[in-house]
Protein backbone atom coordinates (compact mmCIF):
# COMPACT_ATOMS: atom_id res chain seq x y z
CA MET A 1 8.31 2.63 16.30
CA ARG A 2 5.37 0.68 14.93
CA ILE A 3 4.13 3.69 12.96
CA LEU A 4 7.55 4.08 11.33
CA LEU A 5 7.55 0.43 10.32
CA VAL A 6 4.07 0.71 8.84
CA LEU A 7 4.91 3.95 6.99
CA GLY A 8 8.10 2.42 5.63
CA SER A 9 6.25 -0.64 4.42
CA LEU A 10 3.56 1.57 2.84
CA ILE A 11 6.19 3.50 0.92
CA LEU A 12 7.97 0.32 -0.13
CA GLY A 13 4.65 -1.28 -1.06
CA SER A 14 3.63 1.79 -3.06
CA VAL A 15 6.83 1.72 -5.07
CA ALA A 16 6.46 -2.02 -5.66
CA GLY A 17 2.78 -1.50 -6.50
CA VAL A 18 3.53 1.18 -9.08
CA TYR A 19 6.16 -1.08 -10.65
CA LEU A 20 3.70 -4.00 -10.81
CA PHE A 21 1.00 -1.66 -12.11
CA SER A 22 3.20 -0.45 -14.96
CA ALA A 23 4.48 -3.93 -15.80
CA ILE A 24 0.96 -5.36 -16.01
CA TRP A 25 -0.34 -2.27 -17.83
CA GLN A 26 2.34 -2.58 -20.55
CA ASN A 27 1.83 -6.28 -21.16
CA THR A 28 -1.97 -6.32 -21.16
CA ALA A 29 -4.72 -4.11 -22.47
CA PRO A 30 -4.65 -0.54 -21.10
CA GLU A 31 -8.15 -1.06 -19.72
CA SER A 32 -6.87 -3.78 -17.43
CA THR A 33 -8.46 -3.59 -14.00
CA MET A 34 -6.08 -6.29 -12.83
CA ALA A 35 -3.20 -3.80 -13.02
CA ILE A 36 -5.06 -1.42 -10.74
CA ALA A 37 -6.07 -4.16 -8.32
CA VAL A 38 -2.58 -5.63 -8.02
CA GLY A 39 -0.82 -2.26 -7.93
CA GLY A 40 -3.21 -0.79 -5.39
CA GLY A 41 -3.39 -3.92 -3.25
CA THR A 42 0.36 -4.36 -2.83
CA PRO A 43 0.88 -1.48 -0.36
CA VAL A 44 -2.21 -2.53 1.59
CA VAL A 45 -0.87 -6.06 2.00
CA PHE A 46 2.60 -4.79 2.97
CA GLY A 47 1.20 -2.34 5.52
CA VAL A 48 -1.31 -4.73 7.09
CA LEU A 49 1.21 -7.56 7.39
CA THR A 50 3.73 -5.22 8.99
CA TYR A 51 1.09 -3.99 11.44
CA LEU A 52 -0.06 -7.50 12.32
CA TRP A 53 3.50 -8.77 12.83
CA SER A 54 4.66 -5.85 14.96
CA ARG A 55 4.20 -5.58 18.71
CA THR A 56 3.64 -2.66 21.03
CA THR A 57 6.14 -1.64 23.67
CA ASP A 58 4.18 -3.75 26.17
CA GLY A 59 4.78 -6.83 24.06
CA ASP A 60 1.14 -7.18 23.01
CA GLY A 61 0.36 -7.91 19.40
CA PRO A 62 -2.76 -6.80 17.56
CA SER A 63 -5.75 -9.11 17.70
CA LEU A 64 -8.24 -9.46 14.86
CA GLY A 65 -10.99 -9.70 17.48
CA ARG A 66 -10.57 -6.05 18.51
CA ALA A 67 -12.27 -3.12 16.82
CA ARG A 68 -9.09 -1.06 17.26
CA THR A 69 -7.17 -3.45 15.00
CA TRP A 70 -9.81 -3.22 12.28
CA LEU A 71 -9.80 0.58 12.47
CA ALA A 72 -6.01 0.53 12.12
CA ILE A 73 -6.29 -1.76 9.09
CA LEU A 74 -8.86 0.63 7.56
CA GLY A 75 -6.50 3.54 8.18
CA ILE A 76 -3.64 1.64 6.56
CA ALA A 77 -5.80 0.90 3.52
CA LEU A 78 -6.79 4.57 3.21
CA ALA A 79 -3.20 5.76 3.59
CA SER A 80 -1.92 3.29 1.02
CA ALA A 81 -4.64 4.28 -1.46
CA GLY A 82 -3.65 7.91 -1.06
CA LEU A 83 0.04 7.15 -1.56
CA PHE A 84 -0.71 5.00 -4.60
CA VAL A 85 -2.81 7.72 -6.24
CA LEU A 86 -0.13 10.33 -5.53
CA LEU A 87 2.58 8.17 -7.07
CA ILE A 88 0.48 7.43 -10.17
CA VAL A 89 -0.28 11.14 -10.64
CA ALA A 90 3.37 12.05 -10.13
CA ALA A 91 4.46 9.42 -12.65
CA ALA A 92 1.90 10.68 -15.17
CA VAL A 93 3.08 14.28 -14.74
CA VAL A 94 6.72 13.27 -15.15
CA ALA A 95 5.89 11.19 -18.23
CA GLN A 96 3.99 14.08 -19.86
CA ARG A 97 6.75 16.58 -19.24
CA GLY A 98 9.29 14.36 -20.91
């Protein structure tokens, strides 16, 4: 169940991140690194917060003192970066095709 919550929040965060990315990109210079940082960071924040707030079936929550939690956070960051890049590429392909 926890993995479904994290995946759902990654997808929601990626969609929100792409929206924020495009809104910042339109209103500022196209070379804006802030657009990339905010757009790419949104799914990471959503996924990590969902992971940290969820509990296992035993009722135990993740602890920041465990290496397993940090590996999960790294995995969430990698997954969200991949989703964000895929959505940006898909949006660019759709925009070029008309």
